[in-house]
Full PDB file with SEQRES, HELIX, SHEET, SSBOND, CRYST1, ORIGX, SCALE, CONECT and MASTER records, all heavy atoms in Angstrom:
SEQRES   1 A   40  GLY ASN ASP PRO ASP VAL MET ARG TRP LEU ALA GLY LEU          
SEQRES   2 A   40  ALA ASN GLU ARG ASN PRO MET MET SER VAL VAL GLU ASP          
SEQRES   3 A   40  ALA GLY ALA GLY GLY VAL ALA ALA GLY GLU THR ARG LEU          
SEQRES   4 A   40  ARG                                                          
HELIX    1 AA1 PRO A    4  ARG A   17  1                                  14    
HELIX    2 AA2 PRO A   19  SER A   22  5                                   4    
HELIX    3 AA3 ALA A   27  LEU A   39  1                                  13    
CRYST1    1.000    1.000    1.000  90.00  90.00  90.00 P 1           1          
ORIGX1      1.000000  0.000000  0.000000        0.00000                         
ORIGX2      0.000000  1.000000  0.000000        0.00000                         
ORIGX3      0.000000  0.000000  1.000000        0.00000                         
SCALE1      1.000000  0.000000  0.000000        0.00000                         
SCALE2      0.000000  1.000000  0.000000        0.00000                         
SCALE3      0.000000  0.000000  1.000000        0.00000                         
ATOM      1  N   GLY A   1       0.796  -1.230   0.000  1.00  0.00           N  
ATOM      2  CA  GLY A   1       0.000   0.000   0.000  1.00  0.00           C  
ATOM      3  C   GLY A   1       0.821   1.269   0.000  1.00  0.00           C  
ATOM      4  O   GLY A   1       0.286   2.353  -0.220  1.00  0.00           O  
ATOM      5  N   ASN A   2       2.118   1.170   0.223  1.00  0.00           N  
ATOM      6  CA  ASN A   2       2.994   2.340   0.180  1.00  0.00           C  
ATOM      7  C   ASN A   2       3.724   2.458  -1.152  1.00  0.00           C  
ATOM      8  O   ASN A   2       4.411   3.439  -1.389  1.00  0.00           O  
ATOM      9  CB  ASN A   2       4.037   2.283   1.300  1.00  0.00           C  
ATOM     10  CG  ASN A   2       3.419   2.435   2.672  1.00  0.00           C  
ATOM     11  OD1 ASN A   2       2.286   2.848   2.814  1.00  0.00           O  
ATOM     12  ND2 ASN A   2       4.167   2.089   3.691  1.00  0.00           N  
ATOM     13  N   ASP A   3       3.601   1.458  -2.001  1.00  0.00           N  
ATOM     14  CA  ASP A   3       4.341   1.435  -3.259  1.00  0.00           C  
ATOM     15  C   ASP A   3       3.663   2.376  -4.261  1.00  0.00           C  
ATOM     16  O   ASP A   3       2.499   2.185  -4.608  1.00  0.00           O  
ATOM     17  CB  ASP A   3       4.370   0.006  -3.810  1.00  0.00           C  
ATOM     18  CG  ASP A   3       5.278  -0.127  -5.008  1.00  0.00           C  
ATOM     19  OD1 ASP A   3       5.106   0.651  -5.976  1.00  0.00           O  
ATOM     20  OD2 ASP A   3       6.151  -1.007  -4.983  1.00  0.00           O  
ATOM     21  N   PRO A   4       4.371   3.396  -4.745  1.00  0.00           N  
ATOM     22  CA  PRO A   4       3.733   4.346  -5.654  1.00  0.00           C  
ATOM     23  C   PRO A   4       3.266   3.708  -6.964  1.00  0.00           C  
ATOM     24  O   PRO A   4       2.244   4.122  -7.520  1.00  0.00           O  
ATOM     25  CB  PRO A   4       4.811   5.411  -5.901  1.00  0.00           C  
ATOM     26  CG  PRO A   4       6.095   4.785  -5.502  1.00  0.00           C  
ATOM     27  CD  PRO A   4       5.767   3.733  -4.476  1.00  0.00           C  
ATOM     28  N   ASP A   5       3.976   2.703  -7.444  1.00  0.00           N  
ATOM     29  CA  ASP A   5       3.540   2.039  -8.671  1.00  0.00           C  
ATOM     30  C   ASP A   5       2.218   1.308  -8.457  1.00  0.00           C  
ATOM     31  O   ASP A   5       1.337   1.336  -9.320  1.00  0.00           O  
ATOM     32  CB  ASP A   5       4.602   1.052  -9.165  1.00  0.00           C  
ATOM     33  CG  ASP A   5       5.834   1.755  -9.705  1.00  0.00           C  
ATOM     34  OD1 ASP A   5       5.711   2.906 -10.181  1.00  0.00           O  
ATOM     35  OD2 ASP A   5       6.923   1.156  -9.646  1.00  0.00           O  
ATOM     36  N   VAL A   6       2.077   0.664  -7.315  1.00  0.00           N  
ATOM     37  CA  VAL A   6       0.821  -0.024  -6.991  1.00  0.00           C  
ATOM     38  C   VAL A   6      -0.306   0.989  -6.875  1.00  0.00           C  
ATOM     39  O   VAL A   6      -1.401   0.788  -7.419  1.00  0.00           O  
ATOM     40  CB  VAL A   6       0.960  -0.851  -5.689  1.00  0.00           C  
ATOM     41  CG1 VAL A   6      -0.391  -1.365  -5.217  1.00  0.00           C  
ATOM     42  CG2 VAL A   6       1.937  -2.001  -5.885  1.00  0.00           C  
ATOM     43  N   MET A   7      -0.045   2.111  -6.195  1.00  0.00           N  
ATOM     44  CA  MET A   7      -1.087   3.112  -6.018  1.00  0.00           C  
ATOM     45  C   MET A   7      -1.468   3.765  -7.342  1.00  0.00           C  
ATOM     46  O   MET A   7      -2.636   4.039  -7.587  1.00  0.00           O  
ATOM     47  CB  MET A   7      -0.654   4.158  -4.984  1.00  0.00           C  
ATOM     48  CG  MET A   7      -0.479   3.567  -3.579  1.00  0.00           C  
ATOM     49  SD  MET A   7      -1.897   2.579  -3.014  1.00  0.00           S  
ATOM     50  CE  MET A   7      -3.085   3.876  -2.711  1.00  0.00           C  
ATOM     51  N   ARG A   8      -0.490   3.992  -8.221  1.00  0.00           N  
ATOM     52  CA  ARG A   8      -0.802   4.532  -9.549  1.00  0.00           C  
ATOM     53  C   ARG A   8      -1.718   3.567 -10.303  1.00  0.00           C  
ATOM     54  O   ARG A   8      -2.688   3.980 -10.932  1.00  0.00           O  
ATOM     55  CB  ARG A   8       0.480   4.728 -10.360  1.00  0.00           C  
ATOM     56  CG  ARG A   8       1.244   5.953 -10.045  1.00  0.00           C  
ATOM     57  CD  ARG A   8       2.452   6.108 -10.987  1.00  0.00           C  
ATOM     58  NE  ARG A   8       3.377   7.052 -10.441  1.00  0.00           N  
ATOM     59  CZ  ARG A   8       4.493   6.739  -9.790  1.00  0.00           C  
ATOM     60  NH1 ARG A   8       4.854   5.470  -9.635  1.00  0.00           N  
ATOM     61  NH2 ARG A   8       5.266   7.685  -9.300  1.00  0.00           N  
ATOM     62  N   TRP A   9      -1.364   2.296 -10.247  1.00  0.00           N  
ATOM     63  CA  TRP A   9      -2.137   1.289 -10.968  1.00  0.00           C  
ATOM     64  C   TRP A   9      -3.557   1.184 -10.406  1.00  0.00           C  
ATOM     65  O   TRP A   9      -4.531   1.183 -11.159  1.00  0.00           O  
ATOM     66  CB  TRP A   9      -1.411  -0.052 -10.897  1.00  0.00           C  
ATOM     67  CG  TRP A   9      -2.108  -1.144 -11.627  1.00  0.00           C  
ATOM     68  CD1 TRP A   9      -2.287  -1.269 -12.972  1.00  0.00           C  
ATOM     69  CD2 TRP A   9      -2.743  -2.281 -11.037  1.00  0.00           C  
ATOM     70  NE1 TRP A   9      -2.988  -2.429 -13.258  1.00  0.00           N  
ATOM     71  CE2 TRP A   9      -3.279  -3.067 -12.088  1.00  0.00           C  
ATOM     72  CE3 TRP A   9      -2.890  -2.714  -9.724  1.00  0.00           C  
ATOM     73  CZ2 TRP A   9      -3.967  -4.243 -11.855  1.00  0.00           C  
ATOM     74  CZ3 TRP A   9      -3.572  -3.897  -9.502  1.00  0.00           C  
ATOM     75  CH2 TRP A   9      -4.106  -4.644 -10.557  1.00  0.00           C  
ATOM     76  N   LEU A  10      -3.667   1.110  -9.088  1.00  0.00           N  
ATOM     77  CA  LEU A  10      -4.993   1.007  -8.464  1.00  0.00           C  
ATOM     78  C   LEU A  10      -5.816   2.271  -8.723  1.00  0.00           C  
ATOM     79  O   LEU A  10      -7.020   2.191  -8.984  1.00  0.00           O  
ATOM     80  CB  LEU A  10      -4.868   0.738  -6.962  1.00  0.00           C  
ATOM     81  CG  LEU A  10      -4.381  -0.656  -6.579  1.00  0.00           C  
ATOM     82  CD1 LEU A  10      -4.119  -0.742  -5.076  1.00  0.00           C  
ATOM     83  CD2 LEU A  10      -5.372  -1.724  -7.011  1.00  0.00           C  
ATOM     84  N   ALA A  11      -5.167   3.436  -8.655  1.00  0.00           N  
ATOM     85  CA  ALA A  11      -5.881   4.684  -8.932  1.00  0.00           C  
ATOM     86  C   ALA A  11      -6.340   4.708 -10.390  1.00  0.00           C  
ATOM     87  O   ALA A  11      -7.437   5.180 -10.698  1.00  0.00           O  
ATOM     88  CB  ALA A  11      -4.997   5.890  -8.625  1.00  0.00           C  
ATOM     89  N   GLY A  12      -5.527   4.165 -11.290  1.00  0.00           N  
ATOM     90  CA  GLY A  12      -5.926   4.077 -12.693  1.00  0.00           C  
ATOM     91  C   GLY A  12      -7.140   3.183 -12.876  1.00  0.00           C  
ATOM     92  O   GLY A  12      -8.060   3.513 -13.631  1.00  0.00           O  
ATOM     93  N   LEU A  13      -7.147   2.047 -12.176  1.00  0.00           N  
ATOM     94  CA  LEU A  13      -8.313   1.154 -12.232  1.00  0.00           C  
ATOM     95  C   LEU A  13      -9.552   1.846 -11.674  1.00  0.00           C  
ATOM     96  O   LEU A  13     -10.643   1.743 -12.250  1.00  0.00           O  
ATOM     97  CB  LEU A  13      -8.049  -0.125 -11.440  1.00  0.00           C  
ATOM     98  CG  LEU A  13      -7.043  -1.106 -12.012  1.00  0.00           C  
ATOM     99  CD1 LEU A  13      -6.824  -2.266 -11.038  1.00  0.00           C  
ATOM    100  CD2 LEU A  13      -7.514  -1.639 -13.353  1.00  0.00           C  
ATOM    101  N   ALA A  14      -9.376   2.541 -10.553  1.00  0.00           N  
ATOM    102  CA  ALA A  14     -10.506   3.252  -9.944  1.00  0.00           C  
ATOM    103  C   ALA A  14     -11.017   4.335 -10.890  1.00  0.00           C  
ATOM    104  O   ALA A  14     -12.223   4.552 -11.010  1.00  0.00           O  
ATOM    105  CB  ALA A  14     -10.099   3.849  -8.604  1.00  0.00           C  
ATOM    106  N   ASN A  15     -10.097   4.990 -11.576  1.00  0.00           N  
ATOM    107  CA  ASN A  15     -10.476   6.044 -12.515  1.00  0.00           C  
ATOM    108  C   ASN A  15     -11.205   5.466 -13.726  1.00  0.00           C  
ATOM    109  O   ASN A  15     -12.117   6.091 -14.274  1.00  0.00           O  
ATOM    110  CB  ASN A  15      -9.238   6.832 -12.954  1.00  0.00           C  
ATOM    111  CG  ASN A  15      -9.600   8.135 -13.613  1.00  0.00           C  
ATOM    112  OD1 ASN A  15     -10.553   8.783 -13.243  1.00  0.00           O  
ATOM    113  ND2 ASN A  15      -8.821   8.509 -14.601  1.00  0.00           N  
ATOM    114  N   GLU A  16     -10.819   4.268 -14.149  1.00  0.00           N  
ATOM    115  CA  GLU A  16     -11.547   3.605 -15.242  1.00  0.00           C  
ATOM    116  C   GLU A  16     -12.967   3.269 -14.807  1.00  0.00           C  
ATOM    117  O   GLU A  16     -13.908   3.382 -15.578  1.00  0.00           O  
ATOM    118  CB  GLU A  16     -10.828   2.317 -15.674  1.00  0.00           C  
ATOM    119  CG  GLU A  16      -9.600   2.549 -16.493  1.00  0.00           C  
ATOM    120  CD  GLU A  16      -9.901   3.214 -17.827  1.00  0.00           C  
ATOM    121  OE1 GLU A  16     -10.855   2.797 -18.512  1.00  0.00           O  
ATOM    122  OE2 GLU A  16      -9.167   4.153 -18.176  1.00  0.00           O  
ATOM    123  N   ARG A  17     -13.094   2.840 -13.576  1.00  0.00           N  
ATOM    124  CA  ARG A  17     -14.410   2.477 -13.033  1.00  0.00           C  
ATOM    125  C   ARG A  17     -15.280   3.706 -12.838  1.00  0.00           C  
ATOM    126  O   ARG A  17     -16.491   3.663 -13.060  1.00  0.00           O  
ATOM    127  CB  ARG A  17     -14.202   1.751 -11.701  1.00  0.00           C  
ATOM    128  CG  ARG A  17     -15.467   1.249 -11.076  1.00  0.00           C  
ATOM    129  CD  ARG A  17     -15.135   0.422  -9.855  1.00  0.00           C  
ATOM    130  NE  ARG A  17     -16.336   0.121  -9.117  1.00  0.00           N  
ATOM    131  CZ  ARG A  17     -16.385  -0.013  -7.808  1.00  0.00           C  
ATOM    132  NH1 ARG A  17     -15.281   0.102  -7.099  1.00  0.00           N  
ATOM    133  NH2 ARG A  17     -17.507  -0.279  -7.207  1.00  0.00           N  
ATOM    134  N   ASN A  18     -14.663   4.811 -12.387  1.00  0.00           N  
ATOM    135  CA  ASN A  18     -15.393   6.052 -12.143  1.00  0.00           C  
ATOM    136  C   ASN A  18     -14.531   7.216 -12.635  1.00  0.00           C  
ATOM    137  O   ASN A  18     -13.766   7.781 -11.860  1.00  0.00           O  
ATOM    138  CB  ASN A  18     -15.713   6.205 -10.653  1.00  0.00           C  
ATOM    139  CG  ASN A  18     -16.455   7.488 -10.348  1.00  0.00           C  
ATOM    140  OD1 ASN A  18     -16.796   8.262 -11.235  1.00  0.00           O  
ATOM    141  ND2 ASN A  18     -16.696   7.734  -9.078  1.00  0.00           N  
ATOM    142  N   PRO A  19     -14.632   7.573 -13.913  1.00  0.00           N  
ATOM    143  CA  PRO A  19     -13.774   8.611 -14.483  1.00  0.00           C  
ATOM    144  C   PRO A  19     -13.874   9.966 -13.781  1.00  0.00           C  
ATOM    145  O   PRO A  19     -12.953  10.761 -13.845  1.00  0.00           O  
ATOM    146  CB  PRO A  19     -14.256   8.731 -15.932  1.00  0.00           C  
ATOM    147  CG  PRO A  19     -14.927   7.440 -16.226  1.00  0.00           C  
ATOM    148  CD  PRO A  19     -15.500   6.981 -14.922  1.00  0.00           C  
ATOM    149  N   MET A  20     -14.964  10.220 -13.096  1.00  0.00           N  
ATOM    150  CA  MET A  20     -15.136  11.511 -12.436  1.00  0.00           C  
ATOM    151  C   MET A  20     -14.328  11.614 -11.136  1.00  0.00           C  
ATOM    152  O   MET A  20     -14.087  12.705 -10.648  1.00  0.00           O  
ATOM    153  CB  MET A  20     -16.619  11.760 -12.128  1.00  0.00           C  
ATOM    154  CG  MET A  20     -17.504  11.834 -13.356  1.00  0.00           C  
ATOM    155  SD  MET A  20     -16.971  13.023 -14.600  1.00  0.00           S  
ATOM    156  CE  MET A  20     -17.047  14.522 -13.679  1.00  0.00           C  
ATOM    157  N   MET A  21     -13.881  10.480 -10.599  1.00  0.00           N  
ATOM    158  CA  MET A  21     -13.249  10.511  -9.282  1.00  0.00           C  
ATOM    159  C   MET A  21     -11.996  11.368  -9.212  1.00  0.00           C  
ATOM    160  O   MET A  21     -11.703  11.938  -8.184  1.00  0.00           O  
ATOM    161  CB  MET A  21     -12.939   9.110  -8.778  1.00  0.00           C  
ATOM    162  CG  MET A  21     -11.800   8.429  -9.495  1.00  0.00           C  
ATOM    163  SD  MET A  21     -10.838   7.429  -8.384  1.00  0.00           S  
ATOM    164  CE  MET A  21      -9.211   7.948  -8.860  1.00  0.00           C  
ATOM    165  N   SER A  22     -11.270  11.469 -10.306  1.00  0.00           N  
ATOM    166  CA  SER A  22     -10.019  12.222 -10.245  1.00  0.00           C  
ATOM    167  C   SER A  22     -10.191  13.710 -10.536  1.00  0.00           C  
ATOM    168  O   SER A  22      -9.246  14.465 -10.423  1.00  0.00           O  
ATOM    169  CB  SER A  22      -8.997  11.626 -11.217  1.00  0.00           C  
ATOM    170  OG  SER A  22      -9.403  11.825 -12.540  1.00  0.00           O  
ATOM    171  N   VAL A  23     -11.406  14.109 -10.890  1.00  0.00           N  
ATOM    172  CA  VAL A  23     -11.600  15.515 -11.237  1.00  0.00           C  
ATOM    173  C   VAL A  23     -12.644  16.237 -10.389  1.00  0.00           C  
ATOM    174  O   VAL A  23     -12.700  17.458 -10.400  1.00  0.00           O  
ATOM    175  CB  VAL A  23     -11.944  15.686 -12.736  1.00  0.00           C  
ATOM    176  CG1 VAL A  23     -10.755  15.359 -13.598  1.00  0.00           C  
ATOM    177  CG2 VAL A  23     -13.135  14.875 -13.133  1.00  0.00           C  
ATOM    178  N   VAL A  24     -13.477  15.502  -9.681  1.00  0.00           N  
ATOM    179  CA  VAL A  24     -14.531  16.117  -8.872  1.00  0.00           C  
ATOM    180  C   VAL A  24     -14.417  15.611  -7.448  1.00  0.00           C  
ATOM    181  O   VAL A  24     -14.233  14.409  -7.220  1.00  0.00           O  
ATOM    182  CB  VAL A  24     -15.937  15.782  -9.444  1.00  0.00           C  
ATOM    183  CG1 VAL A  24     -17.026  16.404  -8.608  1.00  0.00           C  
ATOM    184  CG2 VAL A  24     -16.045  16.255 -10.882  1.00  0.00           C  
ATOM    185  N   GLU A  25     -14.530  16.524  -6.481  1.00  0.00           N  
ATOM    186  CA  GLU A  25     -14.376  16.160  -5.075  1.00  0.00           C  
ATOM    187  C   GLU A  25     -15.247  14.990  -4.652  1.00  0.00           C  
ATOM    188  O   GLU A  25     -14.792  14.056  -4.072  1.00  0.00           O  
ATOM    189  CB  GLU A  25     -14.688  17.354  -4.152  1.00  0.00           C  
ATOM    190  CG  GLU A  25     -13.566  18.333  -4.005  1.00  0.00           C  
ATOM    191  CD  GLU A  25     -12.279  17.732  -3.455  1.00  0.00           C  
ATOM    192  OE1 GLU A  25     -12.316  16.856  -2.566  1.00  0.00           O  
ATOM    193  OE2 GLU A  25     -11.226  18.143  -3.922  1.00  0.00           O  
ATOM    194  N   ASP A  26     -16.538  15.068  -4.929  1.00  0.00           N  
ATOM    195  CA  ASP A  26     -17.456  14.029  -4.462  1.00  0.00           C  
ATOM    196  C   ASP A  26     -18.077  13.310  -5.655  1.00  0.00           C  
ATOM    197  O   ASP A  26     -19.278  13.346  -5.863  1.00  0.00           O  
ATOM    198  CB  ASP A  26     -18.537  14.651  -3.574  1.00  0.00           C  
ATOM    199  CG  ASP A  26     -19.302  13.613  -2.772  1.00  0.00           C  
ATOM    200  OD1 ASP A  26     -18.872  12.438  -2.764  1.00  0.00           O  
ATOM    201  OD2 ASP A  26     -20.317  13.966  -2.180  1.00  0.00           O  
ATOM    202  N   ALA A  27     -17.227  12.667  -6.434  1.00  0.00           N  
ATOM    203  CA  ALA A  27     -17.689  12.022  -7.669  1.00  0.00           C  
ATOM    204  C   ALA A  27     -18.656  10.886  -7.410  1.00  0.00           C  
ATOM    205  O   ALA A  27     -19.525  10.613  -8.219  1.00  0.00           O  
ATOM    206  CB  ALA A  27     -16.493  11.504  -8.468  1.00  0.00           C  
ATOM    207  N   GLY A  28     -18.521  10.218  -6.285  1.00  0.00           N  
ATOM    208  CA  GLY A  28     -19.401   9.089  -5.991  1.00  0.00           C  
ATOM    209  C   GLY A  28     -20.837   9.522  -5.843  1.00  0.00           C  
ATOM    210  O   GLY A  28     -21.749   8.875  -6.323  1.00  0.00           O  
ATOM    211  N   ALA A  29     -21.044  10.658  -5.179  1.00  0.00           N  
ATOM    212  CA  ALA A  29     -22.401  11.113  -4.918  1.00  0.00           C  
ATOM    213  C   ALA A  29     -23.034  11.771  -6.139  1.00  0.00           C  
ATOM    214  O   ALA A  29     -24.197  11.592  -6.405  1.00  0.00           O  
ATOM    215  CB  ALA A  29     -22.410  12.090  -3.740  1.00  0.00           C  
ATOM    216  N   GLY A  30     -22.238  12.539  -6.911  1.00  0.00           N  
ATOM    217  CA  GLY A  30     -22.818  13.298  -7.999  1.00  0.00           C  
ATOM    218  C   GLY A  30     -22.497  12.789  -9.380  1.00  0.00           C  
ATOM    219  O   GLY A  30     -23.214  13.071 -10.327  1.00  0.00           O  
ATOM    220  N   GLY A  31     -21.406  12.069  -9.514  1.00  0.00           N  
ATOM    221  CA  GLY A  31     -21.008  11.522 -10.803  1.00  0.00           C  
ATOM    222  C   GLY A  31     -20.919  12.571 -11.889  1.00  0.00           C  
ATOM    223  O   GLY A  31     -20.335  13.635 -11.698  1.00  0.00           O  
ATOM    224  N   VAL A  32     -21.496  12.285 -13.049  1.00  0.00           N  
ATOM    225  CA  VAL A  32     -21.437  13.178 -14.195  1.00  0.00           C  
ATOM    226  C   VAL A  32     -22.084  14.521 -13.866  1.00  0.00           C  
ATOM    227  O   VAL A  32     -21.575  15.577 -14.265  1.00  0.00           O  
ATOM    228  CB  VAL A  32     -22.108  12.529 -15.436  1.00  0.00           C  
ATOM    229  CG1 VAL A  32     -22.212  13.509 -16.575  1.00  0.00           C  
ATOM    230  CG2 VAL A  32     -21.325  11.297 -15.863  1.00  0.00           C  
ATOM    231  N   ALA A  33     -23.174  14.518 -13.127  1.00  0.00           N  
ATOM    232  CA  ALA A  33     -23.847  15.775 -12.781  1.00  0.00           C  
ATOM    233  C   ALA A  33     -22.903  16.684 -11.998  1.00  0.00           C  
ATOM    234  O   ALA A  33     -22.861  17.897 -12.240  1.00  0.00           O  
ATOM    235  CB  ALA A  33     -25.111  15.497 -11.981  1.00  0.00           C  
ATOM    236  N   ALA A  34     -22.134  16.115 -11.084  1.00  0.00           N  
ATOM    237  CA  ALA A  34     -21.175  16.912 -10.312  1.00  0.00           C  
ATOM    238  C   ALA A  34     -20.101  17.478 -11.238  1.00  0.00           C  
ATOM    239  O   ALA A  34     -19.684  18.629 -11.090  1.00  0.00           O  
ATOM    240  CB  ALA A  34     -20.538  16.064  -9.217  1.00  0.00           C  
ATOM    241  N   GLY A  35     -19.669  16.682 -12.203  1.00  0.00           N  
ATOM    242  CA  GLY A  35     -18.678  17.147 -13.165  1.00  0.00           C  
ATOM    243  C   GLY A  35     -19.219  18.262 -14.041  1.00  0.00           C  
ATOM    244  O   GLY A  35     -18.532  19.254 -14.298  1.00  0.00           O  
ATOM    245  N   GLU A  36     -20.451  18.107 -14.494  1.00  0.00           N  
ATOM    246  CA  GLU A  36     -21.059  19.144 -15.334  1.00  0.00           C  
ATOM    247  C   GLU A  36     -21.267  20.442 -14.557  1.00  0.00           C  
ATOM    248  O   GLU A  36     -21.085  21.531 -15.095  1.00  0.00           O  
ATOM    249  CB  GLU A  36     -22.366  18.629 -15.929  1.00  0.00           C  
ATOM    250  CG  GLU A  36     -22.126  17.566 -16.989  1.00  0.00           C  
ATOM    251  CD  GLU A  36     -23.381  16.901 -17.504  1.00  0.00           C  
ATOM    252  OE1 GLU A  36     -24.411  16.907 -16.775  1.00  0.00           O  
ATOM    253  OE2 GLU A  36     -23.339  16.362 -18.621  1.00  0.00           O  
ATOM    254  N   THR A  37     -21.617  20.316 -13.272  1.00  0.00           N  
ATOM    255  CA  THR A  37     -21.769  21.501 -12.431  1.00  0.00           C  
ATOM    256  C   THR A  37     -20.438  22.220 -12.295  1.00  0.00           C  
ATOM    257  O   THR A  37     -20.348  23.442 -12.432  1.00  0.00           O  
ATOM    258  CB  THR A  37     -22.316  21.119 -11.038  1.00  0.00           C  
ATOM    259  OG1 THR A  37     -23.604  20.537 -11.212  1.00  0.00           O  
ATOM    260  CG2 THR A  37     -22.401  22.323 -10.115  1.00  0.00           C  
ATOM    261  N   ARG A  38     -19.377  21.471 -12.031  1.00  0.00           N  
ATOM    262  CA  ARG A  38     -18.055  22.071 -11.899  1.00  0.00           C  
ATOM    263  C   ARG A  38     -17.613  22.704 -13.221  1.00  0.00           C  
ATOM    264  O   ARG A  38     -17.036  23.789 -13.235  1.00  0.00           O  
ATOM    265  CB  ARG A  38     -17.041  21.016 -11.433  1.00  0.00           C  
ATOM    266  CG  ARG A  38     -15.638  21.525 -11.305  1.00  0.00           C  
ATOM    267  CD  ARG A  38     -15.498  22.557 -10.209  1.00  0.00           C  
ATOM    268  NE  ARG A  38     -14.125  23.031 -10.151  1.00  0.00           N  
ATOM    269  CZ  ARG A  38     -13.779  24.251  -9.830  1.00  0.00           C  
ATOM    270  NH1 ARG A  38     -14.707  25.135  -9.490  1.00  0.00           N  
ATOM    271  NH2 ARG A  38     -12.521  24.614  -9.807  1.00  0.00           N  
ATOM    272  N   LEU A  39     -17.922  22.060 -14.329  1.00  0.00           N  
ATOM    273  CA  LEU A  39     -17.571  22.600 -15.638  1.00  0.00           C  
ATOM    274  C   LEU A  39     -18.288  23.927 -15.881  1.00  0.00           C  
ATOM    275  O   LEU A  39     -17.689  24.891 -16.381  1.00  0.00           O  
ATOM    276  CB  LEU A  39     -17.923  21.585 -16.728  1.00  0.00           C  
ATOM    277  CG  LEU A  39     -17.412  21.876 -18.131  1.00  0.00           C  
ATOM    278  CD1 LEU A  39     -15.899  22.036 -18.155  1.00  0.00           C  
ATOM    279  CD2 LEU A  39     -17.835  20.754 -19.076  1.00  0.00           C  
ATOM    280  N   ARG A  40     -19.571  23.997 -15.504  1.00  0.00           N  
ATOM    281  CA  ARG A  40     -20.314  25.269 -15.637  1.00  0.00           C  
ATOM    282  C   ARG A  40     -19.672  26.357 -14.781  1.00  0.00           C  
ATOM    283  O   ARG A  40     -19.556  27.505 -15.204  1.00  0.00           O  
ATOM    284  CB  ARG A  40     -21.782  25.078 -15.242  1.00  0.00           C  
ATOM    285  CG  ARG A  40     -22.639  24.509 -16.349  1.00  0.00           C  
ATOM    286  CD  ARG A  40     -24.125  24.626 -16.052  1.00  0.00           C  
ATOM    287  NE  ARG A  40     -24.535  23.943 -14.837  1.00  0.00           N  
ATOM    288  CZ  ARG A  40     -24.799  22.639 -14.745  1.00  0.00           C  
ATOM    289  NH1 ARG A  40     -24.701  21.883 -15.818  1.00  0.00           N  
ATOM    290  NH2 ARG A  40     -25.170  22.103 -13.604  1.00  0.00           N  
TER     291      ARG A  40                                                      
MASTER        0    0    0    3    0    0    0    6  290    1    0    4          
END                                                                             
């Protein structure tokens, strides 16, 4: 869990599963709507 390569890989998998997670604070709750709000 301290290995940066492992964390990069896991974060990449998480980002594939939920692309909004790396760009919006609460992507789980709002998803695309939260992203569109932030974009506006």
